[in-house]
Amino acid sequence: MIKKKTFIIRIDEETLAAIEKWAADEFRSTNGQVEYLLHQALSKAGRLKNKAQKKEE
């Protein structure tokens, strides 16, 4: 089970509105959309460990 932590983020209104619209278009919550975007960015940047690396630890 994945543990999740809560944190506060400050974001400008225009960016938030765009994320909310995008989330609605993809049937996600705003929080789910932010989480998805962060995961995609981290994966693309090579900042996330893959499943094989996690099992080795």
PDB file of N, CA and C in Angstrom:
ATOM      1  N   MET A   1       0.840  -1.188   0.000  1.00  0.00           N
ATOM      2  CA  MET A   1       0.000   0.000   0.000  1.00  0.00           C
ATOM      3  C   MET A   1       0.882   1.246   0.000  1.00  0.00           C
ATOM      4  N   ILE A   2       0.526   2.199  -0.813  1.00  0.00           N
ATOM      5  CA  ILE A   2       1.296   3.436  -0.920  1.00  0.00           C
ATOM      6  C   ILE A   2       0.861   4.407   0.164  1.00  0.00           C
ATOM      7  N   LYS A   3       1.855   4.890   0.930  1.00  0.00           N
ATOM      8  CA  LYS A   3       1.565   5.908   1.936  1.00  0.00           C
ATOM      9  C   LYS A   3       1.560   7.261   1.250  1.00  0.00           C
ATOM     10  N   LYS A   4       0.598   8.085   1.581  1.00  0.00           N
ATOM     11  CA  LYS A   4       0.511   9.418   1.004  1.00  0.00           C
ATOM     12  C   LYS A   4       0.593  10.450   2.117  1.00  0.00           C
ATOM     13  N   LYS A   5       1.253  11.552   1.813  1.00  0.00           N
ATOM     14  CA  LYS A   5       1.371  12.651   2.752  1.00  0.00           C
ATOM     15  C   LYS A   5       0.643  13.858   2.205  1.00  0.00           C
ATOM     16  N   THR A   6       0.169  14.687   3.092  1.00  0.00           N
ATOM     17  CA  THR A   6      -0.523  15.902   2.730  1.00  0.00           C
ATOM     18  C   THR A   6       0.435  17.073   2.798  1.00  0.00           C
ATOM     19  N   PHE A   7       0.318  17.988   1.845  1.00  0.00           N
ATOM     20  CA  PHE A   7       1.085  19.226   1.894  1.00  0.00           C
ATOM     21  C   PHE A   7       0.297  20.334   1.208  1.00  0.00           C
ATOM     22  N   ILE A   8       0.637  21.541   1.541  1.00  0.00           N
ATOM     23  CA  ILE A   8      -0.040  22.708   0.982  1.00  0.00           C
ATOM     24  C   ILE A   8       0.800  23.262  -0.158  1.00  0.00           C
ATOM     25  N   ILE A   9       0.133  23.690  -1.207  1.00  0.00           N
ATOM     26  CA  ILE A   9       0.828  24.274  -2.353  1.00  0.00           C
ATOM     27  C   ILE A   9       0.178  25.616  -2.676  1.00  0.00           C
ATOM     28  N   ARG A  10       1.012  26.586  -2.954  1.00  0.00           N
ATOM     29  CA  ARG A  10       0.508  27.883  -3.415  1.00  0.00           C
ATOM     30  C   ARG A  10       0.660  27.911  -4.925  1.00  0.00           C
ATOM     31  N   ILE A  11      -0.414  28.279  -5.606  1.00  0.00           N
ATOM     32  CA  ILE A  11      -0.420  28.259  -7.067  1.00  0.00           C
ATOM     33  C   ILE A  11      -1.282  29.419  -7.563  1.00  0.00           C
ATOM     34  N   ASP A  12      -0.869  30.019  -8.649  1.00  0.00           N
ATOM     35  CA  ASP A  12      -1.646  31.162  -9.140  1.00  0.00           C
ATOM     36  C   ASP A  12      -2.983  30.688  -9.707  1.00  0.00           C
ATOM     37  N   GLU A  13      -3.948  31.596  -9.714  1.00  0.00           N
ATOM     38  CA  GLU A  13      -5.318  31.256 -10.090  1.00  0.00           C
ATOM     39  C   GLU A  13      -5.438  30.730 -11.523  1.00  0.00           C
ATOM     40  N   GLU A  14      -4.689  31.310 -12.441  1.00  0.00           N
ATOM     41  CA  GLU A  14      -4.763  30.892 -13.837  1.00  0.00           C
ATOM     42  C   GLU A  14      -4.275  29.455 -14.010  1.00  0.00           C
ATOM     43  N   THR A  15      -3.173  29.116 -13.356  1.00  0.00           N
ATOM     44  CA  THR A  15      -2.640  27.754 -13.428  1.00  0.00           C
ATOM     45  C   THR A  15      -3.607  26.769 -12.798  1.00  0.00           C
ATOM     46  N   LEU A  16      -4.153  27.121 -11.657  1.00  0.00           N
ATOM     47  CA  LEU A  16      -5.111  26.242 -10.986  1.00  0.00           C
ATOM     48  C   LEU A  16      -6.343  26.017 -11.856  1.00  0.00           C
ATOM     49  N   ALA A  17      -6.844  27.071 -12.468  1.00  0.00           N
ATOM     50  CA  ALA A  17      -8.018  26.938 -13.334  1.00  0.00           C
ATOM     51  C   ALA A  17      -7.716  26.002 -14.504  1.00  0.00           C
ATOM     52  N   ALA A  18      -6.528  26.110 -15.075  1.00  0.00           N
ATOM     53  CA  ALA A  18      -6.150  25.232 -16.185  1.00  0.00           C
ATOM     54  C   ALA A  18      -6.059  23.786 -15.734  1.00  0.00           C
ATOM     55  N   ILE A  19      -5.504  23.549 -14.550  1.00  0.00           N
ATOM     56  CA  ILE A  19      -5.399  22.187 -14.013  1.00  0.00           C
ATOM     57  C   ILE A  19      -6.782  21.631 -13.708  1.00  0.00           C
ATOM     58  N   GLU A  20      -7.654  22.449 -13.136  1.00  0.00           N
ATOM     59  CA  GLU A  20      -9.015  22.005 -12.834  1.00  0.00           C
ATOM     60  C   GLU A  20      -9.762  21.625 -14.113  1.00  0.00           C
ATOM     61  N   LYS A  21      -9.615  22.407 -15.162  1.00  0.00           N
ATOM     62  CA  LYS A  21     -10.267  22.120 -16.445  1.00  0.00           C
ATOM     63  C   LYS A  21      -9.716  20.827 -17.033  1.00  0.00           C
ATOM     64  N   TRP A  22      -8.394  20.684 -17.013  1.00  0.00           N
ATOM     65  CA  TRP A  22      -7.746  19.482 -17.534  1.00  0.00           C
ATOM     66  C   TRP A  22      -8.213  18.247 -16.762  1.00  0.00           C
ATOM     67  N   ALA A  23      -8.278  18.379 -15.441  1.00  0.00           N
ATOM     68  CA  ALA A  23      -8.731  17.270 -14.599  1.00  0.00           C
ATOM     69  C   ALA A  23     -10.161  16.874 -14.963  1.00  0.00           C
ATOM     70  N   ALA A  24     -11.029  17.847 -15.113  1.00  0.00           N
ATOM     71  CA  ALA A  24     -12.418  17.560 -15.477  1.00  0.00           C
ATOM     72  C   ALA A  24     -12.500  16.878 -16.837  1.00  0.00           C
ATOM     73  N   ASP A  25     -11.686  17.335 -17.783  1.00  0.00           N
ATOM     74  CA  ASP A  25     -11.669  16.731 -19.115  1.00  0.00           C
ATOM     75  C   ASP A  25     -11.253  15.262 -19.077  1.00  0.00           C
ATOM     76  N   GLU A  26     -10.415  14.896 -18.106  1.00  0.00           N
ATOM     77  CA  GLU A  26      -9.915  13.520 -18.001  1.00  0.00           C
ATOM     78  C   GLU A  26     -10.579  12.739 -16.862  1.00  0.00           C
ATOM     79  N   PHE A  27     -11.673  13.290 -16.321  1.00  0.00           N
ATOM     80  CA  PHE A  27     -12.457  12.643 -15.266  1.00  0.00           C
ATOM     81  C   PHE A  27     -11.618  12.316 -14.032  1.00  0.00           C
ATOM     82  N   ARG A  28     -10.743  13.255 -13.657  1.00  0.00           N
ATOM     83  CA  ARG A  28      -9.933  13.124 -12.447  1.00  0.00           C
ATOM     84  C   ARG A  28     -10.282  14.261 -11.512  1.00  0.00           C
ATOM     85  N   SER A  29      -9.956  14.087 -10.234  1.00  0.00           N
ATOM     86  CA  SER A  29     -10.037  15.201  -9.295  1.00  0.00           C
ATOM     87  C   SER A  29      -8.856  16.126  -9.571  1.00  0.00           C
ATOM     88  N   THR A  30      -8.937  17.340  -9.075  1.00  0.00           N
ATOM     89  CA  THR A  30      -7.817  18.269  -9.228  1.00  0.00           C
ATOM     90  C   THR A  30      -6.584  17.691  -8.551  1.00  0.00           C
ATOM     91  N   ASN A  31      -6.757  17.141  -7.362  1.00  0.00           N
ATOM     92  CA  ASN A  31      -5.631  16.534  -6.654  1.00  0.00           C
ATOM     93  C   ASN A  31      -5.040  15.373  -7.458  1.00  0.00           C
ATOM     94  N   GLY A  32      -5.895  14.543  -8.020  1.00  0.00           N
ATOM     95  CA  GLY A  32      -5.434  13.430  -8.830  1.00  0.00           C
ATOM     96  C   GLY A  32      -4.677  13.898 -10.062  1.00  0.00           C
ATOM     97  N   GLN A  33      -5.121  15.000 -10.653  1.00  0.00           N
ATOM     98  CA  GLN A  33      -4.447  15.534 -11.833  1.00  0.00           C
ATOM     99  C   GLN A  33      -3.063  16.061 -11.474  1.00  0.00           C
ATOM    100  N   VAL A  34      -2.956  16.776 -10.359  1.00  0.00           N
ATOM    101  CA  VAL A  34      -1.650  17.280  -9.917  1.00  0.00           C
ATOM    102  C   VAL A  34      -0.714  16.111  -9.642  1.00  0.00           C
ATOM    103  N   GLU A  35      -1.223  15.090  -8.973  1.00  0.00           N
ATOM    104  CA  GLU A  35      -0.415  13.906  -8.684  1.00  0.00           C
ATOM    105  C   GLU A  35       0.045  13.226  -9.981  1.00  0.00           C
ATOM    106  N   TYR A  36      -0.852  13.110 -10.949  1.00  0.00           N
ATOM    107  CA  TYR A  36      -0.529  12.523 -12.248  1.00  0.00           C
ATOM    108  C   TYR A  36       0.565  13.329 -12.953  1.00  0.00           C
ATOM    109  N   LEU A  37       0.408  14.644 -12.979  1.00  0.00           N
ATOM    110  CA  LEU A  37       1.382  15.512 -13.650  1.00  0.00           C
ATOM    111  C   LEU A  37       2.752  15.428 -12.991  1.00  0.00           C
ATOM    112  N   LEU A  38       2.770  15.416 -11.663  1.00  0.00           N
ATOM    113  CA  LEU A  38       4.042  15.298 -10.955  1.00  0.00           C
ATOM    114  C   LEU A  38       4.709  13.957 -11.258  1.00  0.00           C
ATOM    115  N   HIS A  39       3.930  12.899 -11.263  1.00  0.00           N
ATOM    116  CA  HIS A  39       4.469  11.566 -11.546  1.00  0.00           C
ATOM    117  C   HIS A  39       5.052  11.514 -12.957  1.00  0.00           C
ATOM    118  N   GLN A  40       4.318  12.069 -13.921  1.00  0.00           N
ATOM    119  CA  GLN A  40       4.800  12.081 -15.304  1.00  0.00           C
ATOM    120  C   GLN A  40       6.105  12.868 -15.429  1.00  0.00           C
ATOM    121  N   ALA A  41       6.174  14.026 -14.788  1.00  0.00           N
ATOM    122  CA  ALA A  41       7.381  14.860 -14.854  1.00  0.00           C
ATOM    123  C   ALA A  41       8.567  14.162 -14.196  1.00  0.00           C
ATOM    124  N   LEU A  42       8.334  13.527 -13.056  1.00  0.00           N
ATOM    125  CA  LEU A  42       9.402  12.812 -12.364  1.00  0.00           C
ATOM    126  C   LEU A  42       9.890  11.618 -13.181  1.00  0.00           C
ATOM    127  N   SER A  43       8.975  10.906 -13.803  1.00  0.00           N
ATOM    128  CA  SER A  43       9.352   9.767 -14.642  1.00  0.00           C
ATOM    129  C   SER A  43      10.179  10.226 -15.837  1.00  0.00           C
ATOM    130  N   LYS A  44       9.716  11.270 -16.501  1.00  0.00           N
ATOM    131  CA  LYS A  44      10.414  11.785 -17.677  1.00  0.00           C
ATOM    132  C   LYS A  44      11.822  12.268 -17.329  1.00  0.00           C
ATOM    133  N   ALA A  45      11.990  12.829 -16.133  1.00  0.00           N
ATOM    134  CA  ALA A  45      13.289  13.350 -15.697  1.00  0.00           C
ATOM    135  C   ALA A  45      14.181  12.259 -15.113  1.00  0.00           C
ATOM    136  N   GLY A  46      13.661  11.030 -15.017  1.00  0.00           N
ATOM    137  CA  GLY A  46      14.444   9.936 -14.466  1.00  0.00           C
ATOM    138  C   GLY A  46      14.627  10.034 -12.959  1.00  0.00           C
ATOM    139  N   ARG A  47      13.698  10.674 -12.295  1.00  0.00           N
ATOM    140  CA  ARG A  47      13.788  10.898 -10.852  1.00  0.00           C
ATOM    141  C   ARG A  47      13.048   9.858 -10.010  1.00  0.00           C
ATOM    142  N   LEU A  48      12.317   8.961 -10.655  1.00  0.00           N
ATOM    143  CA  LEU A  48      11.595   7.921  -9.920  1.00  0.00           C
ATOM    144  C   LEU A  48      12.312   6.597 -10.063  1.00  0.00           C
ATOM    145  N   LYS A  49      12.343   5.838  -8.987  1.00  0.00           N
ATOM    146  CA  LYS A  49      12.892   4.490  -9.052  1.00  0.00           C
ATOM    147  C   LYS A  49      11.863   3.602  -9.731  1.00  0.00           C
ATOM    148  N   ASN A  50      12.334   2.696 -10.582  1.00  0.00           N
ATOM    149  CA  ASN A  50      11.388   1.777 -11.200  1.00  0.00           C
ATOM    150  C   ASN A  50      11.080   0.636 -10.231  1.00  0.00           C
ATOM    151  N   LYS A  51      10.123  -0.200 -10.570  1.00  0.00           N
ATOM    152  CA  LYS A  51       9.669  -1.272  -9.671  1.00  0.00           C
ATOM    153  C   LYS A  51      10.785  -2.258  -9.340  1.00  0.00           C
ATOM    154  N   ALA A  52      11.647  -2.567 -10.299  1.00  0.00           N
ATOM    155  CA  ALA A  52      12.741  -3.513 -10.059  1.00  0.00           C
ATOM    156  C   ALA A  52      13.717  -2.948  -9.015  1.00  0.00           C
ATOM    157  N   GLN A  53      14.018  -1.658  -9.107  1.00  0.00           N
ATOM    158  CA  GLN A  53      14.925  -1.038  -8.140  1.00  0.00           C
ATOM    159  C   GLN A  53      14.318  -1.041  -6.735  1.00  0.00           C
ATOM    160  N   LYS A  54      13.009  -0.810  -6.634  1.00  0.00           N
ATOM    161  CA  LYS A  54      12.341  -0.783  -5.338  1.00  0.00           C
ATOM    162  C   LYS A  54      12.379  -2.153  -4.686  1.00  0.00           C
ATOM    163  N   LYS A  55      12.212  -3.237  -5.462  1.00  0.00           N
ATOM    164  CA  LYS A  55      12.226  -4.587  -4.913  1.00  0.00           C
ATOM    165  C   LYS A  55      13.607  -4.982  -4.401  1.00  0.00           C
ATOM    166  N   GLU A  56      14.663  -4.462  -4.992  1.00  0.00           N
ATOM    167  CA  GLU A  56      16.016  -4.773  -4.581  1.00  0.00           C
ATOM    168  C   GLU A  56      16.356  -4.178  -3.213  1.00  0.00           C
ATOM    169  N   GLU A  57      15.695  -3.089  -2.859  1.00  0.00           N
ATOM    170  CA  GLU A  57      16.026  -2.395  -1.587  1.00  0.00           C
ATOM    171  C   GLU A  57      15.433  -3.064  -0.401  1.00  0.00           C
TER     172      GLU A  57
END
